[in-house]
């Protein structure tokens, strides 16, 4: 088998087996079938199954007990988060610099989270993401800005959790107090601007969320990350006038060279 094809098969096996573990096919603490049985189920070699299991053990999803087998590791109990050394400043929706800084952060953080969520979101999370979108669609159709803002923030929060990465989860818990008001205020401000394009922008944002969701449902990580990137850039562009600089102007920083 060509090396590239073998690599793609191994990646598929890792992701598929990982999804079954995260999706609850075997209960926490439960024992996985034998390598032979899994190899038969997936139509691959036992060596491929062994490598995929080792990968999931390294990720902390499975544990190996010598002479007993492979078991699903229970999810770790949430530890209390230490208070940050510096209290996060309150969201400043009327500050262009503050808004641009958060949008830059979201480009780094949420595009990566979307990429992982496309591979790791479990069935319940995929369903709940769809439910948030349904609420958003109803709100947009009714022109209910309050409900649209709530659904928008809820969708993005769940997407971060769907990445199933402990560091993303812990970091998100720290920054969510800044991100939630930011997302909410963006929706409010964009929806209430005196512009003939306001309604179309609301419909465009809705379609962007649908694109993110579709990529996650199709388990397409790169498409999910790209859809999220387009959405965040669009959000920033809503608040940039034709005569002003770009929302993500890298030259506005002290020390940046042209």
C-alpha atoms as a PDB file:
ATOM      1  CA  UNK A   1       0.000   0.000   0.000  1.00  0.00           C
ATOM      2  CA  UNK A   2       1.412   3.468  -0.889  1.00  0.00           C
ATOM      3  CA  UNK A   3       2.666   5.391   2.147  1.00  0.00           C
ATOM      4  CA  UNK A   4       0.175   8.257   1.721  1.00  0.00           C
ATOM      5  CA  UNK A   5      -2.762   5.874   1.507  1.00  0.00           C
ATOM      6  CA  UNK A   6      -1.582   3.937   4.556  1.00  0.00           C
ATOM      7  CA  UNK A   7      -1.199   7.214   6.470  1.00  0.00           C
ATOM      8  CA  UNK A   8      -4.714   8.322   5.534  1.00  0.00           C
ATOM      9  CA  UNK A   9      -6.123   4.960   6.600  1.00  0.00           C
ATOM     10  CA  UNK A  10      -4.347   5.170   9.943  1.00  0.00           C
ATOM     11  CA  UNK A  11      -5.620   8.699  10.517  1.00  0.00           C
ATOM     12  CA  UNK A  12      -9.148   7.574   9.656  1.00  0.00           C
ATOM     13  CA  UNK A  13      -8.878   4.666  12.090  1.00  0.00           C
ATOM     14  CA  UNK A  14      -7.617   6.898  14.905  1.00  0.00           C
ATOM     15  CA  UNK A  15     -10.418   9.397  14.393  1.00  0.00           C
ATOM     16  CA  UNK A  16     -13.161   6.805  13.975  1.00  0.00           C
ATOM     17  CA  UNK A  17     -12.150   4.782  17.011  1.00  0.00           C
ATOM     18  CA  UNK A  18     -11.731   7.989  18.993  1.00  0.00           C
ATOM     19  CA  UNK A  19     -15.222   9.116  18.001  1.00  0.00           C
ATOM     20  CA  UNK A  20     -16.683   5.817  19.147  1.00  0.00           C
ATOM     21  CA  UNK A  21     -14.953   6.198  22.505  1.00  0.00           C
ATOM     22  CA  UNK A  22     -16.079   9.823  22.926  1.00  0.00           C
ATOM     23  CA  UNK A  23     -19.554   8.966  21.683  1.00  0.00           C
ATOM     24  CA  UNK A  24     -20.072   6.407  24.449  1.00  0.00           C
ATOM     25  CA  UNK A  25     -20.054   3.209  22.428  1.00  0.00           C
ATOM     26  CA  UNK A  26     -18.283   1.704  25.438  1.00  0.00           C
ATOM     27  CA  UNK A  27     -19.057   3.075  28.913  1.00  0.00           C
ATOM     28  CA  UNK A  28     -16.442   4.796  31.059  1.00  0.00           C
ATOM     29  CA  UNK A  29     -14.431   2.052  32.705  1.00  0.00           C
ATOM     30  CA  UNK A  30     -15.664  -0.462  30.128  1.00  0.00           C
ATOM     31  CA  UNK A  31     -13.383  -2.835  28.283  1.00  0.00           C
ATOM     32  CA  UNK A  32     -12.859  -2.550  24.540  1.00  0.00           C
ATOM     33  CA  UNK A  33     -13.160  -5.616  22.294  1.00  0.00           C
ATOM     34  CA  UNK A  34      -9.982  -7.486  21.485  1.00  0.00           C
ATOM     35  CA  UNK A  35      -7.565  -6.256  18.834  1.00  0.00           C
ATOM     36  CA  UNK A  36      -8.636  -9.165  16.663  1.00  0.00           C
ATOM     37  CA  UNK A  37     -12.308  -8.221  16.933  1.00  0.00           C
ATOM     38  CA  UNK A  38     -11.646  -4.522  16.254  1.00  0.00           C
ATOM     39  CA  UNK A  39      -9.472  -5.415  13.259  1.00  0.00           C
ATOM     40  CA  UNK A  40     -12.330  -7.487  11.871  1.00  0.00           C
ATOM     41  CA  UNK A  41     -14.900  -4.755  12.574  1.00  0.00           C
ATOM     42  CA  UNK A  42     -12.838  -2.066  10.833  1.00  0.00           C
ATOM     43  CA  UNK A  43     -11.410  -4.277   8.105  1.00  0.00           C
ATOM     44  CA  UNK A  44      -7.811  -3.408   8.979  1.00  0.00           C
ATOM     45  CA  UNK A  45      -4.776  -5.203  10.387  1.00  0.00           C
ATOM     46  CA  UNK A  46      -4.232  -5.822  14.085  1.00  0.00           C
ATOM     47  CA  UNK A  47      -1.081  -3.692  13.862  1.00  0.00           C
ATOM     48  CA  UNK A  48      -3.188  -0.748  12.670  1.00  0.00           C
ATOM     49  CA  UNK A  49      -5.638  -1.249  15.538  1.00  0.00           C
ATOM     50  CA  UNK A  50      -2.746  -1.456  18.007  1.00  0.00           C
ATOM     51  CA  UNK A  51      -1.286   1.840  16.755  1.00  0.00           C
ATOM     52  CA  UNK A  52      -4.667   3.595  16.947  1.00  0.00           C
ATOM     53  CA  UNK A  53      -5.180   2.348  20.507  1.00  0.00           C
ATOM     54  CA  UNK A  54      -1.727   3.555  21.536  1.00  0.00           C
ATOM     55  CA  UNK A  55      -2.584   6.967  20.086  1.00  0.00           C
ATOM     56  CA  UNK A  56      -5.798   7.137  22.142  1.00  0.00           C
ATOM     57  CA  UNK A  57      -3.976   5.963  25.255  1.00  0.00           C
ATOM     58  CA  UNK A  58      -1.505   8.814  24.762  1.00  0.00           C
ATOM     59  CA  UNK A  59      -4.433  11.223  24.422  1.00  0.00           C
ATOM     60  CA  UNK A  60      -5.832   9.999  27.721  1.00  0.00           C
ATOM     61  CA  UNK A  61      -9.016   8.473  26.304  1.00  0.00           C
ATOM     62  CA  UNK A  62      -8.025   4.849  26.955  1.00  0.00           C
ATOM     63  CA  UNK A  63      -5.913   3.006  29.508  1.00  0.00           C
ATOM     64  CA  UNK A  64      -4.018  -0.253  29.098  1.00  0.00           C
ATOM     65  CA  UNK A  65      -4.059  -2.870  31.863  1.00  0.00           C
ATOM     66  CA  UNK A  66      -1.423  -5.514  31.448  1.00  0.00           C
ATOM     67  CA  UNK A  67      -2.968  -8.929  31.059  1.00  0.00           C
ATOM     68  CA  UNK A  68      -6.491  -7.518  31.145  1.00  0.00           C
ATOM     69  CA  UNK A  69      -7.072  -5.363  28.083  1.00  0.00           C
ATOM     70  CA  UNK A  70      -7.877  -1.812  27.021  1.00  0.00           C
ATOM     71  CA  UNK A  71     -10.387   0.245  28.973  1.00  0.00           C
ATOM     72  CA  UNK A  72     -12.180   3.561  28.506  1.00  0.00           C
ATOM     73  CA  UNK A  73     -10.827   6.130  30.914  1.00  0.00           C
ATOM     74  CA  UNK A  74     -13.447   8.087  32.871  1.00  0.00           C
ATOM     75  CA  UNK A  75     -13.483  11.795  32.103  1.00  0.00           C
ATOM     76  CA  UNK A  76     -11.329  13.649  34.626  1.00  0.00           C
ATOM     77  CA  UNK A  77     -13.178  15.547  37.309  1.00  0.00           C
ATOM     78  CA  UNK A  78     -13.082  19.265  36.770  1.00  0.00           C
ATOM     79  CA  UNK A  79     -10.538  20.898  39.044  1.00  0.00           C
ATOM     80  CA  UNK A  80     -11.192  24.326  40.519  1.00  0.00           C
ATOM     81  CA  UNK A  81      -9.555  26.912  38.338  1.00  0.00           C
ATOM     82  CA  UNK A  82      -7.122  29.208  40.151  1.00  0.00           C
ATOM     83  CA  UNK A  83      -8.001  32.870  40.124  1.00  0.00           C
ATOM     84  CA  UNK A  84      -6.059  34.627  37.380  1.00  0.00           C
ATOM     85  CA  UNK A  85      -3.176  36.741  38.595  1.00  0.00           C
ATOM     86  CA  UNK A  86      -4.562  39.710  36.674  1.00  0.00           C
ATOM     87  CA  UNK A  87      -8.297  40.185  36.538  1.00  0.00           C
ATOM     88  CA  UNK A  88      -9.549  40.305  32.967  1.00  0.00           C
ATOM     89  CA  UNK A  89     -10.732  43.775  31.992  1.00  0.00           C
ATOM     90  CA  UNK A  90     -14.441  44.221  31.293  1.00  0.00           C
ATOM     91  CA  UNK A  91     -15.549  43.975  27.696  1.00  0.00           C
ATOM     92  CA  UNK A  92     -15.493  47.329  25.928  1.00  0.00           C
ATOM     93  CA  UNK A  93     -17.804  46.977  22.923  1.00  0.00           C
ATOM     94  CA  UNK A  94     -17.434  50.668  22.060  1.00  0.00           C
ATOM     95  CA  UNK A  95     -13.650  50.425  21.764  1.00  0.00           C
ATOM     96  CA  UNK A  96     -12.476  49.523  18.226  1.00  0.00           C
ATOM     97  CA  UNK A  97      -9.066  48.422  19.513  1.00  0.00           C
ATOM     98  CA  UNK A  98     -10.568  46.110  22.138  1.00  0.00           C
ATOM     99  CA  UNK A  99     -12.953  44.591  19.623  1.00  0.00           C
ATOM    100  CA  UNK A 100     -10.160  44.060  17.095  1.00  0.00           C
ATOM    101  CA  UNK A 101      -7.923  42.429  19.699  1.00  0.00           C
ATOM    102  CA  UNK A 102     -10.624  39.936  20.666  1.00  0.00           C
ATOM    103  CA  UNK A 103     -11.356  39.174  17.017  1.00  0.00           C
ATOM    104  CA  UNK A 104      -7.657  38.484  16.454  1.00  0.00           C
ATOM    105  CA  UNK A 105      -7.673  36.163  19.440  1.00  0.00           C
ATOM    106  CA  UNK A 106     -10.761  34.385  18.137  1.00  0.00           C
ATOM    107  CA  UNK A 107      -9.081  33.790  14.778  1.00  0.00           C
ATOM    108  CA  UNK A 108      -6.355  31.858  16.590  1.00  0.00           C
ATOM    109  CA  UNK A 109      -8.516  30.148  19.204  1.00  0.00           C
ATOM    110  CA  UNK A 110     -11.823  29.358  17.519  1.00  0.00           C
ATOM    111  CA  UNK A 111     -10.452  28.257  14.151  1.00  0.00           C
ATOM    112  CA  UNK A 112      -8.383  25.638  15.968  1.00  0.00           C
ATOM    113  CA  UNK A 113     -11.334  24.622  18.135  1.00  0.00           C
ATOM    114  CA  UNK A 114     -13.538  24.237  15.043  1.00  0.00           C
ATOM    115  CA  UNK A 115     -10.894  22.045  13.404  1.00  0.00           C
ATOM    116  CA  UNK A 116     -10.842  19.713  16.424  1.00  0.00           C
ATOM    117  CA  UNK A 117     -14.618  19.771  16.907  1.00  0.00           C
ATOM    118  CA  UNK A 118     -15.111  18.483  13.364  1.00  0.00           C
ATOM    119  CA  UNK A 119     -13.221  15.348  14.376  1.00  0.00           C
ATOM    120  CA  UNK A 120     -14.063  14.990  18.064  1.00  0.00           C
ATOM    121  CA  UNK A 121     -17.564  16.344  18.720  1.00  0.00           C
ATOM    122  CA  UNK A 122     -19.690  13.554  20.134  1.00  0.00           C
ATOM    123  CA  UNK A 123     -23.229  12.777  18.885  1.00  0.00           C
ATOM    124  CA  UNK A 124     -24.922  14.719  21.700  1.00  0.00           C
ATOM    125  CA  UNK A 125     -22.824  17.809  20.990  1.00  0.00           C
ATOM    126  CA  UNK A 126     -23.500  17.619  17.262  1.00  0.00           C
ATOM    127  CA  UNK A 127     -27.208  17.481  18.009  1.00  0.00           C
ATOM    128  CA  UNK A 128     -27.005  20.388  20.458  1.00  0.00           C
ATOM    129  CA  UNK A 129     -25.058  22.513  17.956  1.00  0.00           C
ATOM    130  CA  UNK A 130     -27.934  21.947  15.551  1.00  0.00           C
ATOM    131  CA  UNK A 131     -30.406  23.007  18.235  1.00  0.00           C
ATOM    132  CA  UNK A 132     -28.518  26.270  18.814  1.00  0.00           C
ATOM    133  CA  UNK A 133     -28.623  26.906  15.065  1.00  0.00           C
ATOM    134  CA  UNK A 134     -32.360  26.254  14.960  1.00  0.00           C
ATOM    135  CA  UNK A 135     -32.847  28.859  17.692  1.00  0.00           C
ATOM    136  CA  UNK A 136     -30.645  31.285  15.795  1.00  0.00           C
ATOM    137  CA  UNK A 137     -32.614  30.773  12.586  1.00  0.00           C
ATOM    138  CA  UNK A 138     -35.907  31.408  14.379  1.00  0.00           C
ATOM    139  CA  UNK A 139     -34.495  34.549  15.980  1.00  0.00           C
ATOM    140  CA  UNK A 140     -33.128  35.911  12.705  1.00  0.00           C
ATOM    141  CA  UNK A 141     -36.425  35.216  10.925  1.00  0.00           C
ATOM    142  CA  UNK A 142     -38.331  37.040  13.683  1.00  0.00           C
ATOM    143  CA  UNK A 143     -35.829  39.888  13.947  1.00  0.00           C
ATOM    144  CA  UNK A 144     -35.325  39.035  17.631  1.00  0.00           C
ATOM    145  CA  UNK A 145     -31.856  40.417  18.353  1.00  0.00           C
ATOM    146  CA  UNK A 146     -31.853  39.251  22.000  1.00  0.00           C
ATOM    147  CA  UNK A 147     -32.511  35.633  21.047  1.00  0.00           C
ATOM    148  CA  UNK A 148     -30.062  35.768  18.122  1.00  0.00           C
ATOM    149  CA  UNK A 149     -27.273  37.067  20.378  1.00  0.00           C
ATOM    150  CA  UNK A 150     -27.949  34.373  22.990  1.00  0.00           C
ATOM    151  CA  UNK A 151     -27.955  31.588  20.401  1.00  0.00           C
ATOM    152  CA  UNK A 152     -24.816  32.969  18.754  1.00  0.00           C
ATOM    153  CA  UNK A 153     -22.867  32.940  22.021  1.00  0.00           C
ATOM    154  CA  UNK A 154     -24.225  29.507  22.981  1.00  0.00           C
ATOM    155  CA  UNK A 155     -23.153  28.010  19.654  1.00  0.00           C
ATOM    156  CA  UNK A 156     -19.582  29.273  20.021  1.00  0.00           C
ATOM    157  CA  UNK A 157     -19.307  28.124  23.646  1.00  0.00           C
ATOM    158  CA  UNK A 158     -20.470  24.606  22.779  1.00  0.00           C
ATOM    159  CA  UNK A 159     -18.126  24.460  19.803  1.00  0.00           C
ATOM    160  CA  UNK A 160     -15.144  25.112  22.092  1.00  0.00           C
ATOM    161  CA  UNK A 161     -16.292  22.317  24.430  1.00  0.00           C
ATOM    162  CA  UNK A 162     -16.688  20.009  21.420  1.00  0.00           C
ATOM    163  CA  UNK A 163     -12.946  20.200  20.752  1.00  0.00           C
ATOM    164  CA  UNK A 164     -12.454  17.761  23.671  1.00  0.00           C
ATOM    165  CA  UNK A 165      -9.109  19.273  24.572  1.00  0.00           C
ATOM    166  CA  UNK A 166      -8.439  19.811  28.273  1.00  0.00           C
ATOM    167  CA  UNK A 167      -6.284  22.908  27.748  1.00  0.00           C
ATOM    168  CA  UNK A 168      -8.826  24.502  25.405  1.00  0.00           C
ATOM    169  CA  UNK A 169     -11.554  23.695  27.930  1.00  0.00           C
ATOM    170  CA  UNK A 170      -9.631  25.205  30.860  1.00  0.00           C
ATOM    171  CA  UNK A 171      -8.481  28.262  28.919  1.00  0.00           C
ATOM    172  CA  UNK A 172     -11.969  28.852  27.557  1.00  0.00           C
ATOM    173  CA  UNK A 173     -13.336  28.810  31.115  1.00  0.00           C
ATOM    174  CA  UNK A 174     -11.012  31.707  31.921  1.00  0.00           C
ATOM    175  CA  UNK A 175     -11.717  33.867  28.864  1.00  0.00           C
ATOM    176  CA  UNK A 176     -15.444  33.175  28.446  1.00  0.00           C
ATOM    177  CA  UNK A 177     -16.356  36.188  30.606  1.00  0.00           C
ATOM    178  CA  UNK A 178     -14.778  38.370  27.927  1.00  0.00           C
ATOM    179  CA  UNK A 179     -15.856  36.336  24.887  1.00  0.00           C
ATOM    180  CA  UNK A 180     -19.568  36.034  25.708  1.00  0.00           C
ATOM    181  CA  UNK A 181     -20.179  39.818  26.031  1.00  0.00           C
ATOM    182  CA  UNK A 182     -18.034  40.381  22.943  1.00  0.00           C
ATOM    183  CA  UNK A 183     -20.071  37.989  20.787  1.00  0.00           C
ATOM    184  CA  UNK A 184     -23.337  39.322  22.190  1.00  0.00           C
ATOM    185  CA  UNK A 185     -22.402  42.975  21.660  1.00  0.00           C
ATOM    186  CA  UNK A 186     -21.215  42.258  18.114  1.00  0.00           C
ATOM    187  CA  UNK A 187     -24.657  40.849  17.295  1.00  0.00           C
ATOM    188  CA  UNK A 188     -26.430  43.790  18.939  1.00  0.00           C
ATOM    189  CA  UNK A 189     -24.258  46.443  17.320  1.00  0.00           C
ATOM    190  CA  UNK A 190     -24.330  44.930  13.833  1.00  0.00           C
ATOM    191  CA  UNK A 191     -28.096  44.347  13.972  1.00  0.00           C
ATOM    192  CA  UNK A 192     -28.920  47.883  15.088  1.00  0.00           C
ATOM    193  CA  UNK A 193     -26.623  49.856  12.816  1.00  0.00           C
ATOM    194  CA  UNK A 194     -28.493  52.287  10.539  1.00  0.00           C
ATOM    195  CA  UNK A 195     -27.436  50.584   7.351  1.00  0.00           C
ATOM    196  CA  UNK A 196     -29.446  49.259   4.388  1.00  0.00           C
ATOM    197  CA  UNK A 197     -27.284  46.099   4.582  1.00  0.00           C
ATOM    198  CA  UNK A 198     -28.107  45.299   8.221  1.00  0.00           C
ATOM    199  CA  UNK A 199     -30.741  42.678   7.389  1.00  0.00           C
ATOM    200  CA  UNK A 200     -28.556  41.024   4.767  1.00  0.00           C
ATOM    201  CA  UNK A 201     -25.615  40.934   7.176  1.00  0.00           C
ATOM    202  CA  UNK A 202     -27.794  39.111   9.702  1.00  0.00           C
ATOM    203  CA  UNK A 203     -28.697  36.533   7.060  1.00  0.00           C
ATOM    204  CA  UNK A 204     -25.038  36.255   6.057  1.00  0.00           C
ATOM    205  CA  UNK A 205     -23.979  35.562   9.651  1.00  0.00           C
ATOM    206  CA  UNK A 206     -26.641  32.890   9.858  1.00  0.00           C
ATOM    207  CA  UNK A 207     -25.331  31.213   6.712  1.00  0.00           C
ATOM    208  CA  UNK A 208     -21.780  31.357   8.061  1.00  0.00           C
ATOM    209  CA  UNK A 209     -22.837  29.484  11.184  1.00  0.00           C
ATOM    210  CA  UNK A 210     -24.587  26.922   9.005  1.00  0.00           C
ATOM    211  CA  UNK A 211     -21.364  26.492   7.012  1.00  0.00           C
ATOM    212  CA  UNK A 212     -19.390  25.871  10.221  1.00  0.00           C
ATOM    213  CA  UNK A 213     -21.986  23.376  11.407  1.00  0.00           C
ATOM    214  CA  UNK A 214     -22.109  21.568   8.052  1.00  0.00           C
ATOM    215  CA  UNK A 215     -18.335  21.116   8.060  1.00  0.00           C
ATOM    216  CA  UNK A 216     -18.461  19.722  11.597  1.00  0.00           C
ATOM    217  CA  UNK A 217     -21.264  17.332  10.686  1.00  0.00           C
ATOM    218  CA  UNK A 218     -19.288  16.212   7.626  1.00  0.00           C
ATOM    219  CA  UNK A 219     -16.211  15.707   9.832  1.00  0.00           C
ATOM    220  CA  UNK A 220     -14.184  18.069   7.639  1.00  0.00           C
ATOM    221  CA  UNK A 221     -11.694  19.796   9.962  1.00  0.00           C
ATOM    222  CA  UNK A 222     -10.066  22.092   7.419  1.00  0.00           C
ATOM    223  CA  UNK A 223     -13.426  23.212   6.047  1.00  0.00           C
ATOM    224  CA  UNK A 224     -14.656  23.881   9.599  1.00  0.00           C
ATOM    225  CA  UNK A 225     -11.597  25.997  10.392  1.00  0.00           C
ATOM    226  CA  UNK A 226     -11.935  27.922   7.112  1.00  0.00           C
ATOM    227  CA  UNK A 227     -15.662  28.519   7.665  1.00  0.00           C
ATOM    228  CA  UNK A 228     -14.901  29.868  11.139  1.00  0.00           C
ATOM    229  CA  UNK A 229     -12.136  32.103   9.727  1.00  0.00           C
ATOM    230  CA  UNK A 230     -14.506  33.570   7.125  1.00  0.00           C
ATOM    231  CA  UNK A 231     -17.131  34.190   9.812  1.00  0.00           C
ATOM    232  CA  UNK A 232     -14.785  36.027  12.189  1.00  0.00           C
ATOM    233  CA  UNK A 233     -13.336  38.147   9.375  1.00  0.00           C
ATOM    234  CA  UNK A 234     -16.880  39.016   8.298  1.00  0.00           C
ATOM    235  CA  UNK A 235     -17.793  40.046  11.854  1.00  0.00           C
ATOM    236  CA  UNK A 236     -14.778  42.348  11.968  1.00  0.00           C
ATOM    237  CA  UNK A 237     -15.528  43.825   8.543  1.00  0.00           C
ATOM    238  CA  UNK A 238     -19.011  44.878   9.710  1.00  0.00           C
ATOM    239  CA  UNK A 239     -17.434  47.503  11.936  1.00  0.00           C
ATOM    240  CA  UNK A 240     -14.899  48.878   9.470  1.00  0.00           C
ATOM    241  CA  UNK A 241     -15.959  51.819   7.336  1.00  0.00           C
ATOM    242  CA  UNK A 242     -14.682  52.268   3.827  1.00  0.00           C
ATOM    243  CA  UNK A 243     -12.414  55.088   5.004  1.00  0.00           C
ATOM    244  CA  UNK A 244     -10.949  53.326   8.032  1.00  0.00           C
ATOM    245  CA  UNK A 245      -8.153  50.791   8.370  1.00  0.00           C
ATOM    246  CA  UNK A 246      -8.755  47.060   8.376  1.00  0.00           C
ATOM    247  CA  UNK A 247      -9.995  45.531  11.638  1.00  0.00           C
ATOM    248  CA  UNK A 248      -6.886  43.330  11.753  1.00  0.00           C
ATOM    249  CA  UNK A 249      -4.241  45.916  10.825  1.00  0.00           C
ATOM    250  CA  UNK A 250      -0.950  44.323  11.872  1.00  0.00           C
ATOM    251  CA  UNK A 251       0.832  47.657  11.513  1.00  0.00           C
ATOM    252  CA  UNK A 252      -1.099  49.425  14.245  1.00  0.00           C
ATOM    253  CA  UNK A 253       1.125  47.889  16.930  1.00  0.00           C
ATOM    254  CA  UNK A 254       4.032  49.761  18.471  1.00  0.00           C
ATOM    255  CA  UNK A 255       7.261  48.487  16.942  1.00  0.00           C
ATOM    256  CA  UNK A 256       5.642  47.061  13.787  1.00  0.00           C
ATOM    257  CA  UNK A 257       7.459  47.967  10.591  1.00  0.00           C
ATOM    258  CA  UNK A 258       5.877  48.715   7.207  1.00  0.00           C
END
